[in-house]
N, C-alpha and C. Protein backbone atom coordinates (compact mmCIF):
# COMPACT_ATOMS: atom_id res chain seq x y z
N MET A 1 -15.02 -2.91 -4.15
CA MET A 1 -14.14 -3.59 -5.78
C MET A 1 -15.50 -4.20 -6.49
N ASP A 2 -15.66 -3.41 -7.38
CA ASP A 2 -16.75 -4.47 -7.78
C ASP A 2 -17.66 -4.64 -7.03
N GLY A 3 -18.74 -3.57 -6.44
CA GLY A 3 -19.63 -3.50 -4.98
C GLY A 3 -19.31 -4.67 -3.50
N HIS A 4 -18.38 -4.60 -3.92
CA HIS A 4 -18.03 -6.77 -2.79
C HIS A 4 -16.61 -5.98 -2.11
N GLN A 5 -17.15 -5.59 -0.88
CA GLN A 5 -16.61 -5.95 0.03
C GLN A 5 -14.89 -6.26 -0.21
N ALA A 6 -13.60 -5.16 0.16
CA ALA A 6 -12.03 -5.62 -0.72
C ALA A 6 -10.64 -4.85 1.04
N CYS A 7 -10.18 -5.84 1.74
CA CYS A 7 -8.96 -5.13 2.47
C CYS A 7 -8.02 -5.31 1.49
N TYR A 8 -7.00 -4.10 2.08
CA TYR A 8 -5.71 -4.20 1.73
C TYR A 8 -5.48 -3.64 3.35
N ALA A 9 -3.39 -3.98 3.23
CA ALA A 9 -2.62 -3.54 4.43
C ALA A 9 -1.26 -3.95 3.63
N ILE A 10 -0.29 -2.17 3.91
CA ILE A 10 0.92 -1.92 3.55
C ILE A 10 1.56 -2.22 4.86
N THR A 11 3.39 -3.20 4.82
CA THR A 11 4.05 -3.32 5.70
C THR A 11 4.76 -1.60 5.38
N ALA A 12 4.56 -1.51 7.09
CA ALA A 12 6.00 -0.56 7.34
C ALA A 12 6.89 -1.03 6.78
N GLU A 13 7.90 -2.16 5.76
CA GLU A 13 9.12 -1.90 5.54
C GLU A 13 8.89 -0.96 3.88
N ALA A 14 7.68 -0.41 3.96
CA ALA A 14 6.83 -0.46 2.43
C ALA A 14 6.37 0.79 2.38
N LEU A 15 5.75 1.45 3.46
CA LEU A 15 5.91 2.95 3.64
C LEU A 15 7.86 3.26 3.88
N GLU A 16 8.46 2.96 4.40
CA GLU A 16 9.71 3.39 5.19
C GLU A 16 10.56 2.99 3.32
N ASP A 17 10.93 2.31 2.83
CA ASP A 17 11.19 2.83 1.54
C ASP A 17 11.11 3.41 0.52
N HIS A 18 9.44 3.65 -0.02
CA HIS A 18 8.88 3.75 -0.48
C HIS A 18 7.86 5.16 -0.74
N PHE A 19 7.73 4.96 0.96
CA PHE A 19 6.68 7.36 0.65
C PHE A 19 7.65 7.95 2.16
N GLY A 20 8.47 7.96 2.05
CA GLY A 20 9.30 8.51 3.40
C GLY A 20 9.08 8.40 4.46
N ALA A 21 8.89 7.16 5.22
CA ALA A 21 8.55 6.86 6.89
C ALA A 21 10.40 7.13 7.28
N ARG A 22 10.06 8.07 8.50
CA ARG A 22 11.50 8.29 8.82
C ARG A 22 11.74 7.03 10.16
N SER A 23 10.60 7.23 10.60
CA SER A 23 11.11 5.22 11.04
C SER A 23 9.20 4.46 11.12
N TYR A 24 9.72 3.38 12.30
CA TYR A 24 8.63 2.82 12.28
C TYR A 24 7.71 3.22 12.94
N ARG A 25 7.45 3.80 13.35
CA ARG A 25 6.62 4.76 15.05
C ARG A 25 5.68 4.82 13.91
N SER A 26 4.68 4.90 15.28
CA SER A 26 3.01 4.87 14.31
C SER A 26 2.88 6.52 13.76
N GLU A 27 3.25 7.75 13.63
CA GLU A 27 3.34 9.03 13.51
C GLU A 27 3.86 8.99 12.16
N ASP A 28 5.24 8.42 12.13
CA ASP A 28 5.49 9.30 10.54
C ASP A 28 5.08 7.90 9.83
N LEU A 29 4.72 6.55 10.02
CA LEU A 29 3.82 5.91 9.48
C LEU A 29 2.87 5.91 8.63
N LYS A 30 1.85 7.00 9.41
CA LYS A 30 0.31 7.26 8.85
C LYS A 30 0.84 7.99 8.48
N GLN A 31 2.03 9.38 8.76
CA GLN A 31 2.49 10.70 7.87
C GLN A 31 2.74 10.19 6.36
N ALA A 32 3.18 8.88 6.30
CA ALA A 32 3.46 8.31 4.29
C ALA A 32 2.46 7.82 3.49
N PHE A 33 1.45 7.41 4.72
CA PHE A 33 0.39 6.99 4.08
C PHE A 33 -0.41 7.83 3.40
N THR A 34 -0.80 8.87 4.21
CA THR A 34 -1.21 10.05 4.37
C THR A 34 -0.99 10.21 2.62
N GLY A 35 0.50 10.79 3.05
CA GLY A 35 0.78 11.40 1.86
C GLY A 35 0.76 10.89 0.76
N HIS A 36 0.42 10.11 0.72
CA HIS A 36 0.64 8.66 -0.41
C HIS A 36 -0.59 8.21 -0.72
N ARG A 37 -1.15 8.10 -0.20
CA ARG A 37 -2.79 7.14 0.33
C ARG A 37 -3.20 6.61 -1.56
N ASP A 38 -3.06 7.76 -2.84
CA ASP A 38 -3.50 8.21 -4.30
C ASP A 38 -2.57 6.88 -5.40
N ASP A 39 -1.62 6.79 -4.02
CA ASP A 39 -0.74 5.90 -5.11
C ASP A 39 -0.39 5.17 -4.28
N ILE A 40 -0.72 4.50 -2.93
CA ILE A 40 -1.00 2.58 -2.43
C ILE A 40 -2.48 2.40 -3.06
N GLU A 41 -3.28 3.08 -2.35
CA GLU A 41 -4.61 2.79 -2.89
C GLU A 41 -4.82 2.25 -4.14
N SER A 42 -3.56 3.02 -5.53
CA SER A 42 -3.68 2.51 -6.67
C SER A 42 -3.01 1.11 -6.75
N MET A 43 -1.70 1.28 -6.59
CA MET A 43 -1.05 -0.22 -6.45
C MET A 43 -2.14 -1.35 -6.05
N ALA A 44 -2.87 -1.10 -4.37
CA ALA A 44 -3.88 -2.10 -3.60
C ALA A 44 -5.26 -2.28 -5.24
N ARG A 45 -6.12 -1.76 -5.62
CA ARG A 45 -6.19 -2.16 -6.91
C ARG A 45 -5.61 -3.10 -7.79
N ALA A 46 -4.49 -2.03 -8.48
CA ALA A 46 -3.71 -3.04 -9.45
C ALA A 46 -4.46 -4.33 -9.11
N LEU A 47 -3.42 -5.12 -8.27
CA LEU A 47 -2.79 -6.49 -7.76
C LEU A 47 -4.71 -7.12 -7.43
N PHE A 48 -6.08 -6.35 -6.62
CA PHE A 48 -6.96 -6.93 -6.64
C PHE A 48 -7.51 -7.52 -7.96
N GLU A 49 -7.64 -6.28 -9.01
CA GLU A 49 -8.09 -6.99 -10.73
C GLU A 49 -7.10 -8.01 -10.85
N VAL A 50 -5.73 -8.28 -11.14
CA VAL A 50 -5.27 -9.12 -11.53
C VAL A 50 -5.51 -9.92 -10.94
N THR A 51 -5.16 -10.61 -8.98
CA THR A 51 -5.56 -11.40 -8.34
C THR A 51 -6.29 -11.66 -8.22
N GLY A 52 -7.31 -10.99 -8.02
CA GLY A 52 -8.63 -11.96 -7.65
C GLY A 52 -9.43 -11.55 -6.25
N SER A 53 -8.63 -11.78 -5.16
CA SER A 53 -7.86 -11.92 -4.11
C SER A 53 -8.92 -10.59 -3.58
N LYS A 54 -9.43 -10.61 -2.22
CA LYS A 54 -10.30 -10.24 -1.43
C LYS A 54 -9.18 -9.80 -0.65
N ASP A 55 -8.36 -9.44 -0.26
CA ASP A 55 -7.52 -9.53 0.98
C ASP A 55 -6.13 -8.93 0.27
N ILE A 56 -5.21 -8.66 0.44
CA ILE A 56 -4.23 -7.91 -0.08
C ILE A 56 -3.54 -7.53 0.82
N THR A 57 -2.20 -8.12 1.03
CA THR A 57 -0.42 -7.03 1.51
C THR A 57 0.52 -6.44 1.16
N LEU A 58 0.41 -5.21 0.82
CA LEU A 58 1.56 -4.46 -0.59
C LEU A 58 2.55 -4.58 0.70
N HIS A 59 3.70 -4.91 0.20
CA HIS A 59 4.82 -4.56 0.12
C HIS A 59 5.47 -4.26 -0.42
N SER A 60 7.26 -4.04 0.36
CA SER A 60 7.96 -2.97 -0.53
C SER A 60 8.47 -3.45 -2.26
N GLY A 61 7.87 -5.11 -2.42
CA GLY A 61 8.49 -5.52 -3.83
C GLY A 61 7.72 -4.39 -5.07
N HIS A 62 6.30 -4.25 -3.91
CA HIS A 62 5.06 -3.87 -5.20
C HIS A 62 5.20 -2.86 -5.75
N PHE A 63 5.92 -2.23 -5.13
CA PHE A 63 6.29 -0.71 -5.14
C PHE A 63 8.00 0.02 -6.36
N ARG A 64 8.87 -1.15 -5.43
CA ARG A 64 10.58 -1.67 -7.12
C ARG A 64 9.95 -1.13 -8.30
N PHE A 65 8.68 -1.76 -9.17
CA PHE A 65 8.84 -0.95 -9.91
C PHE A 65 8.05 -0.21 -11.14
N ALA A 66 7.11 -0.60 -10.29
CA ALA A 66 6.12 0.28 -10.41
C ALA A 66 6.92 2.72 -10.74
N VAL A 67 6.09 2.75 -11.21
CA VAL A 67 6.02 4.05 -12.03
C VAL A 67 5.89 4.89 -11.72
């Protein structure tokens, strides 16, 4: 982000609720993340910009009203 390192994570709940992970098994979570990585990273970028934080955890609520 702007030449600086930033880190984000996403909860298993968010992957299951919004990105089709069938369970909390790592294979299902990875598949959901990989299939929707662009959308997930777009939300992370938006939160980095709004908050100025360099470390964000994305929760289900972050995606609830996303278009």
